[in-house]
Amino acid sequence: FYRGKVKVMETPVVVRSVLDAPDRKAALFQFEVDAKDFQPGLYTCQVNVIDAAAGKFVFPRLAMLVR
C-alpha cells in the first residue's frame, strides 16, 4: 500500500502454485489488513504478480479511500 509515493504497508509474500479457477486461468488469494494501520486519505494498493514459469509479471493497482 502506498500513500502518494511512500510505501506505508507491505503484506507477506503469497506463493501460489496451482490455478484455483482454471476456467479463468487464475490463482486466487486474499489477505486482511487492520484498518487502524491506515490514517484517513487516499492509498494505492499494488499487487505484484510474478509468473516465474512463463517469465511474465504485472503490477495491477487499485485506489482505496480511507475515511
N, C-alpha and C. Protein backbone atom coordinates (compact mmCIF):
# COMPACT_ATOMS: atom_id res chain seq x y z
N PHE A 1 0.84 -1.17 0.00
CA PHE A 1 0.00 0.00 0.00
C PHE A 1 0.89 1.23 0.00
N TYR A 2 0.53 2.16 -0.87
CA TYR A 2 1.27 3.42 -0.98
C TYR A 2 0.34 4.58 -0.69
N ARG A 3 0.91 5.60 -0.09
CA ARG A 3 0.23 6.87 0.07
C ARG A 3 1.10 7.88 -0.65
N GLY A 4 0.63 8.28 -1.83
CA GLY A 4 1.50 9.05 -2.70
C GLY A 4 2.60 8.13 -3.20
N LYS A 5 3.84 8.54 -3.04
CA LYS A 5 4.97 7.70 -3.46
C LYS A 5 5.61 6.95 -2.29
N VAL A 6 5.00 7.06 -1.10
CA VAL A 6 5.57 6.45 0.10
C VAL A 6 4.87 5.12 0.40
N LYS A 7 5.67 4.05 0.51
CA LYS A 7 5.11 2.75 0.88
C LYS A 7 4.78 2.78 2.37
N VAL A 8 3.52 2.49 2.72
CA VAL A 8 3.12 2.54 4.12
C VAL A 8 2.86 1.16 4.70
N MET A 9 2.69 0.16 3.84
CA MET A 9 2.48 -1.19 4.35
C MET A 9 2.80 -2.19 3.25
N GLU A 10 3.36 -3.33 3.68
CA GLU A 10 3.63 -4.41 2.75
C GLU A 10 3.19 -5.70 3.41
N THR A 11 2.45 -6.53 2.70
CA THR A 11 1.99 -7.80 3.26
C THR A 11 3.03 -8.88 2.98
N PRO A 12 2.96 -9.99 3.69
CA PRO A 12 3.88 -11.10 3.37
C PRO A 12 3.62 -11.62 1.95
N VAL A 13 4.63 -12.24 1.38
CA VAL A 13 4.52 -12.83 0.04
C VAL A 13 3.54 -13.99 0.07
N VAL A 14 2.70 -14.06 -0.94
CA VAL A 14 1.77 -15.18 -1.10
C VAL A 14 2.25 -15.98 -2.31
N VAL A 15 2.56 -17.26 -2.10
CA VAL A 15 3.03 -18.11 -3.18
C VAL A 15 1.90 -19.05 -3.58
N ARG A 16 1.57 -19.04 -4.85
CA ARG A 16 0.51 -19.92 -5.38
C ARG A 16 1.14 -20.76 -6.48
N SER A 17 0.89 -22.07 -6.45
CA SER A 17 1.46 -22.95 -7.47
C SER A 17 0.39 -23.70 -8.26
N VAL A 18 -0.88 -23.44 -7.96
CA VAL A 18 -1.97 -24.09 -8.69
C VAL A 18 -2.98 -23.04 -9.12
N LEU A 19 -3.74 -23.36 -10.15
CA LEU A 19 -4.82 -22.49 -10.59
C LEU A 19 -6.09 -22.88 -9.85
N ASP A 20 -6.59 -21.97 -9.02
CA ASP A 20 -7.81 -22.24 -8.26
C ASP A 20 -9.06 -22.06 -9.12
N ALA A 21 -8.95 -21.26 -10.15
CA ALA A 21 -10.06 -21.01 -11.08
C ALA A 21 -9.54 -21.29 -12.49
N PRO A 22 -9.43 -22.57 -12.86
CA PRO A 22 -8.83 -22.90 -14.16
C PRO A 22 -9.60 -22.34 -15.35
N ASP A 23 -10.90 -22.13 -15.20
CA ASP A 23 -11.68 -21.56 -16.30
C ASP A 23 -11.23 -20.14 -16.62
N ARG A 24 -10.68 -19.44 -15.62
CA ARG A 24 -10.17 -18.07 -15.80
C ARG A 24 -8.65 -18.04 -15.87
N LYS A 25 -8.03 -19.23 -15.74
CA LYS A 25 -6.56 -19.33 -15.67
C LYS A 25 -6.04 -18.43 -14.56
N ALA A 26 -6.66 -18.56 -13.36
CA ALA A 26 -6.34 -17.65 -12.25
C ALA A 26 -6.01 -18.41 -10.97
N ALA A 27 -5.05 -17.87 -10.26
CA ALA A 27 -4.75 -18.32 -8.90
C ALA A 27 -5.38 -17.30 -7.96
N LEU A 28 -6.15 -17.76 -7.01
CA LEU A 28 -6.86 -16.86 -6.11
C LEU A 28 -6.08 -16.67 -4.81
N PHE A 29 -6.20 -15.49 -4.25
CA PHE A 29 -5.60 -15.21 -2.94
C PHE A 29 -6.40 -14.11 -2.28
N GLN A 30 -6.28 -14.03 -0.97
CA GLN A 30 -6.88 -12.91 -0.25
C GLN A 30 -6.03 -12.65 0.97
N PHE A 31 -6.11 -11.43 1.45
CA PHE A 31 -5.39 -11.06 2.66
C PHE A 31 -6.21 -10.03 3.41
N GLU A 32 -5.91 -9.90 4.68
CA GLU A 32 -6.60 -8.92 5.52
C GLU A 32 -5.57 -7.96 6.09
N VAL A 33 -5.96 -6.70 6.16
CA VAL A 33 -5.12 -5.69 6.80
C VAL A 33 -5.96 -5.00 7.86
N ASP A 34 -5.32 -4.57 8.91
CA ASP A 34 -6.01 -3.92 10.01
C ASP A 34 -6.27 -2.46 9.66
N ALA A 35 -7.52 -2.05 9.70
CA ALA A 35 -7.89 -0.68 9.33
C ALA A 35 -7.20 0.36 10.21
N LYS A 36 -6.87 0.01 11.44
CA LYS A 36 -6.23 1.00 12.32
C LYS A 36 -4.82 1.37 11.86
N ASP A 37 -4.26 0.59 10.93
CA ASP A 37 -2.93 0.89 10.40
C ASP A 37 -2.96 1.99 9.34
N PHE A 38 -4.16 2.44 8.96
CA PHE A 38 -4.30 3.43 7.90
C PHE A 38 -4.90 4.72 8.46
N GLN A 39 -4.22 5.84 8.20
CA GLN A 39 -4.76 7.15 8.50
C GLN A 39 -5.73 7.51 7.38
N PRO A 40 -6.71 8.38 7.64
CA PRO A 40 -7.62 8.79 6.56
C PRO A 40 -6.84 9.37 5.38
N GLY A 41 -7.27 9.00 4.18
CA GLY A 41 -6.63 9.52 2.98
C GLY A 41 -6.74 8.53 1.83
N LEU A 42 -6.10 8.87 0.73
CA LEU A 42 -6.13 8.07 -0.49
C LEU A 42 -4.87 7.20 -0.55
N TYR A 43 -5.06 5.93 -0.83
CA TYR A 43 -3.97 4.96 -0.92
C TYR A 43 -4.05 4.25 -2.26
N THR A 44 -2.93 3.69 -2.67
CA THR A 44 -2.87 2.84 -3.84
C THR A 44 -2.44 1.46 -3.38
N CYS A 45 -3.22 0.45 -3.73
CA CYS A 45 -2.86 -0.93 -3.43
C CYS A 45 -2.26 -1.52 -4.70
N GLN A 46 -1.03 -1.95 -4.63
CA GLN A 46 -0.36 -2.56 -5.78
C GLN A 46 -0.10 -4.02 -5.47
N VAL A 47 -0.50 -4.89 -6.38
CA VAL A 47 -0.27 -6.32 -6.24
C VAL A 47 0.76 -6.72 -7.29
N ASN A 48 1.89 -7.26 -6.84
CA ASN A 48 2.94 -7.69 -7.75
C ASN A 48 2.71 -9.16 -8.08
N VAL A 49 2.41 -9.46 -9.33
CA VAL A 49 2.16 -10.82 -9.77
C VAL A 49 3.31 -11.26 -10.66
N ILE A 50 4.00 -12.32 -10.23
CA ILE A 50 5.17 -12.80 -10.96
C ILE A 50 4.92 -14.25 -11.35
N ASP A 51 4.94 -14.51 -12.64
CA ASP A 51 4.79 -15.87 -13.17
C ASP A 51 6.17 -16.32 -13.61
N ALA A 52 6.89 -17.00 -12.71
CA ALA A 52 8.26 -17.41 -13.00
C ALA A 52 8.32 -18.41 -14.14
N ALA A 53 7.33 -19.29 -14.23
CA ALA A 53 7.32 -20.31 -15.28
C ALA A 53 7.20 -19.67 -16.67
N ALA A 54 6.36 -18.67 -16.79
CA ALA A 54 6.15 -18.01 -18.08
C ALA A 54 7.11 -16.84 -18.30
N GLY A 55 7.80 -16.43 -17.23
CA GLY A 55 8.71 -15.30 -17.34
C GLY A 55 7.97 -13.98 -17.54
N LYS A 56 6.78 -13.86 -16.93
CA LYS A 56 5.96 -12.65 -17.07
C LYS A 56 5.65 -12.05 -15.70
N PHE A 57 5.35 -10.76 -15.69
CA PHE A 57 4.97 -10.11 -14.45
C PHE A 57 4.03 -8.94 -14.76
N VAL A 58 3.16 -8.63 -13.80
CA VAL A 58 2.26 -7.48 -13.90
C VAL A 58 2.16 -6.85 -12.52
N PHE A 59 1.78 -5.59 -12.49
CA PHE A 59 1.66 -4.85 -11.23
C PHE A 59 0.34 -4.08 -11.21
N PRO A 60 -0.80 -4.80 -11.14
CA PRO A 60 -2.08 -4.08 -11.11
C PRO A 60 -2.20 -3.23 -9.85
N ARG A 61 -2.91 -2.11 -9.98
CA ARG A 61 -3.10 -1.18 -8.86
C ARG A 61 -4.57 -0.82 -8.74
N LEU A 62 -4.99 -0.54 -7.52
CA LEU A 62 -6.33 -0.01 -7.31
C LEU A 62 -6.28 1.03 -6.22
N ALA A 63 -7.19 1.99 -6.32
CA ALA A 63 -7.24 3.09 -5.35
C ALA A 63 -8.12 2.68 -4.17
N MET A 64 -7.76 3.16 -2.98
CA MET A 64 -8.51 2.89 -1.77
C MET A 64 -8.59 4.19 -0.96
N LEU A 65 -9.80 4.58 -0.63
CA LEU A 65 -10.01 5.79 0.16
C LEU A 65 -10.38 5.39 1.58
N VAL A 66 -9.62 5.87 2.55
CA VAL A 66 -9.91 5.62 3.96
C VAL A 66 -10.49 6.89 4.54
N ARG A 67 -11.66 6.77 5.12
CA ARG A 67 -12.30 7.94 5.72
C ARG A 67 -12.17 7.93 7.21
